[in-house]
Amino acid sequence: MAARRGEEEEEKKEEEEGDGDNAGLRPRDQLSRRIKEQKVIIDELSNLKKNRKVYKQQPNSNIFFLADRTETLSQCKIVLDELKKAHQEMENSEKTKIKK
């Protein structure tokens, strides 16, 4: 089973260029969607059997490399934490704008 990894950079570029599925969404909605996707990835990695192989996609290509499952899981959790932090900051800035 090949798990999709390393797409964060690719998705960021697509969002910036407006070519991705998120092109018509507001930045807050894009961030929410990426958080949901990251949660699914973490859930999938968490439920894999210990002997299953995980492959990580090379950014900007269709090449996959064998990766360590636990390391990939920890990297995905870090990305999720960063996304949640960015989402919270965005919500706080929107609340500040509303108060003014």
C-alpha atoms as a PDB file:
ATOM      1  CA  MET A   1       0.000   0.000   0.000  1.00  0.00           C
ATOM      2  CA  ALA A   2       1.489   3.290  -1.023  1.00  0.00           C
ATOM      3  CA  ALA A   3       0.623   6.083   1.377  1.00  0.00           C
ATOM      4  CA  ARG A   4       0.659   9.606  -0.049  1.00  0.00           C
ATOM      5  CA  ARG A   5       3.318  11.708   1.673  1.00  0.00           C
ATOM      6  CA  GLY A   6       5.242  14.858   0.957  1.00  0.00           C
ATOM      7  CA  GLU A   7       2.348  16.502  -0.804  1.00  0.00           C
ATOM      8  CA  GLU A   8       2.265  19.472   1.535  1.00  0.00           C
ATOM      9  CA  GLU A   9       4.729  21.417  -0.593  1.00  0.00           C
ATOM     10  CA  GLU A  10       2.923  20.494  -3.785  1.00  0.00           C
ATOM     11  CA  GLU A  11      -0.449  21.495  -2.368  1.00  0.00           C
ATOM     12  CA  LYS A  12       0.968  24.790  -1.138  1.00  0.00           C
ATOM     13  CA  LYS A  13       2.225  25.569  -4.633  1.00  0.00           C
ATOM     14  CA  GLU A  14      -1.120  24.598  -6.162  1.00  0.00           C
ATOM     15  CA  GLU A  15      -2.954  26.798  -3.676  1.00  0.00           C
ATOM     16  CA  GLU A  16      -0.653  29.715  -4.393  1.00  0.00           C
ATOM     17  CA  GLU A  17      -0.989  29.232  -8.143  1.00  0.00           C
ATOM     18  CA  GLY A  18      -4.716  28.556  -7.931  1.00  0.00           C
ATOM     19  CA  ASP A  19      -4.481  25.322  -9.948  1.00  0.00           C
ATOM     20  CA  GLY A  20      -5.521  22.872  -7.222  1.00  0.00           C
ATOM     21  CA  ASP A  21      -8.895  21.675  -6.033  1.00  0.00           C
ATOM     22  CA  ASN A  22      -8.797  24.446  -3.431  1.00  0.00           C
ATOM     23  CA  ALA A  23      -8.533  27.247  -5.994  1.00  0.00           C
ATOM     24  CA  GLY A  24     -12.000  28.676  -5.344  1.00  0.00           C
ATOM     25  CA  LEU A  25     -11.835  28.413  -1.554  1.00  0.00           C
ATOM     26  CA  ARG A  26     -10.992  31.121   0.942  1.00  0.00           C
ATOM     27  CA  PRO A  27      -7.647  30.685   2.737  1.00  0.00           C
ATOM     28  CA  ARG A  28      -9.433  29.680   5.943  1.00  0.00           C
ATOM     29  CA  ASP A  29     -11.397  26.980   4.100  1.00  0.00           C
ATOM     30  CA  GLN A  30      -8.241  25.780   2.363  1.00  0.00           C
ATOM     31  CA  LEU A  31      -6.528  25.448   5.711  1.00  0.00           C
ATOM     32  CA  SER A  32      -9.494  23.560   7.177  1.00  0.00           C
ATOM     33  CA  ARG A  33      -9.443  21.183   4.231  1.00  0.00           C
ATOM     34  CA  ARG A  34      -5.706  20.547   4.612  1.00  0.00           C
ATOM     35  CA  ILE A  35      -6.204  19.867   8.334  1.00  0.00           C
ATOM     36  CA  LYS A  36      -8.878  17.273   7.526  1.00  0.00           C
ATOM     37  CA  GLU A  37      -6.614  15.652   4.926  1.00  0.00           C
ATOM     38  CA  GLN A  38      -3.726  15.531   7.381  1.00  0.00           C
ATOM     39  CA  LYS A  39      -5.954  13.900  10.020  1.00  0.00           C
ATOM     40  CA  VAL A  40      -6.919  11.198   7.513  1.00  0.00           C
ATOM     41  CA  ILE A  41      -3.264  10.557   6.680  1.00  0.00           C
ATOM     42  CA  ILE A  42      -2.377  10.254  10.367  1.00  0.00           C
ATOM     43  CA  ASP A  43      -5.295   7.895  10.958  1.00  0.00           C
ATOM     44  CA  GLU A  44      -4.279   5.719   8.018  1.00  0.00           C
ATOM     45  CA  LEU A  45      -0.661   5.550   9.175  1.00  0.00           C
ATOM     46  CA  SER A  46      -1.695   4.826  12.766  1.00  0.00           C
ATOM     47  CA  ASN A  47      -3.842   1.880  11.729  1.00  0.00           C
ATOM     48  CA  LEU A  48      -1.269   0.164   9.533  1.00  0.00           C
ATOM     49  CA  LYS A  49       0.178  -3.126  10.687  1.00  0.00           C
ATOM     50  CA  LYS A  50       3.789  -2.948  11.838  1.00  0.00           C
ATOM     51  CA  ASN A  51       5.101  -4.921   8.851  1.00  0.00           C
ATOM     52  CA  ARG A  52       3.373  -2.765   6.184  1.00  0.00           C
ATOM     53  CA  LYS A  53       5.510  -0.631   3.918  1.00  0.00           C
ATOM     54  CA  VAL A  54       4.998   3.110   3.559  1.00  0.00           C
ATOM     55  CA  TYR A  55       6.103   5.130   0.576  1.00  0.00           C
ATOM     56  CA  LYS A  56       6.692   8.859   0.511  1.00  0.00           C
ATOM     57  CA  GLN A  57       6.146  10.842  -2.676  1.00  0.00           C
ATOM     58  CA  GLN A  58       9.002  12.954  -3.892  1.00  0.00           C
ATOM     59  CA  PRO A  59       7.810  16.585  -4.116  1.00  0.00           C
ATOM     60  CA  ASN A  60       6.829  17.708  -7.627  1.00  0.00           C
ATOM     61  CA  SER A  61       7.159  14.246  -9.157  1.00  0.00           C
ATOM     62  CA  ASN A  62       5.477  10.882  -9.449  1.00  0.00           C
ATOM     63  CA  ILE A  63       8.343   9.052  -7.751  1.00  0.00           C
ATOM     64  CA  PHE A  64       7.807   7.286  -4.420  1.00  0.00           C
ATOM     65  CA  PHE A  65      10.497   6.183  -1.969  1.00  0.00           C
ATOM     66  CA  LEU A  66      10.277   3.664   0.830  1.00  0.00           C
ATOM     67  CA  ALA A  67       9.995   5.479   4.170  1.00  0.00           C
ATOM     68  CA  ASP A  68       9.957   4.542   7.830  1.00  0.00           C
ATOM     69  CA  ARG A  69       6.355   4.325   9.078  1.00  0.00           C
ATOM     70  CA  THR A  70       6.982   5.772  12.553  1.00  0.00           C
ATOM     71  CA  GLU A  71       9.109   8.625  11.213  1.00  0.00           C
ATOM     72  CA  THR A  72       6.504   9.458   8.568  1.00  0.00           C
ATOM     73  CA  LEU A  73       3.768   9.387  11.209  1.00  0.00           C
ATOM     74  CA  SER A  74       5.675  11.762  13.480  1.00  0.00           C
ATOM     75  CA  GLN A  75       6.357  14.143  10.565  1.00  0.00           C
ATOM     76  CA  CYS A  76       2.654  14.152   9.693  1.00  0.00           C
ATOM     77  CA  LYS A  77       1.741  14.944  13.297  1.00  0.00           C
ATOM     78  CA  ILE A  78       4.153  17.888  13.251  1.00  0.00           C
ATOM     79  CA  VAL A  79       2.586  19.166  10.026  1.00  0.00           C
ATOM     80  CA  LEU A  80      -0.883  18.821  11.572  1.00  0.00           C
ATOM     81  CA  ASP A  81       0.197  20.811  14.626  1.00  0.00           C
ATOM     82  CA  GLU A  82       1.583  23.566  12.378  1.00  0.00           C
ATOM     83  CA  LEU A  83      -1.636  23.663  10.354  1.00  0.00           C
ATOM     84  CA  LYS A  84      -3.749  23.867  13.501  1.00  0.00           C
ATOM     85  CA  LYS A  85      -1.570  26.680  14.813  1.00  0.00           C
ATOM     86  CA  ALA A  86      -1.889  28.606  11.538  1.00  0.00           C
ATOM     87  CA  HIS A  87      -5.668  28.057  11.549  1.00  0.00           C
ATOM     88  CA  GLN A  88      -5.932  29.341  15.119  1.00  0.00           C
ATOM     89  CA  GLU A  89      -3.849  32.414  14.276  1.00  0.00           C
ATOM     90  CA  MET A  90      -6.068  33.090  11.270  1.00  0.00           C
ATOM     91  CA  GLU A  91      -9.217  32.832  13.395  1.00  0.00           C
ATOM     92  CA  ASN A  92      -7.735  35.129  16.041  1.00  0.00           C
ATOM     93  CA  SER A  93      -6.802  37.734  13.441  1.00  0.00           C
ATOM     94  CA  GLU A  94     -10.319  37.584  11.961  1.00  0.00           C
ATOM     95  CA  LYS A  95     -11.829  38.095  15.425  1.00  0.00           C
ATOM     96  CA  THR A  96      -9.541  41.082  15.964  1.00  0.00           C
ATOM     97  CA  LYS A  97     -10.654  42.603  12.663  1.00  0.00           C
ATOM     98  CA  ILE A  98     -14.302  42.146  13.601  1.00  0.00           C
ATOM     99  CA  LYS A  99     -13.813  43.921  16.941  1.00  0.00           C
ATOM    100  CA  LYS A 100     -12.301  46.971  15.226  1.00  0.00           C
END
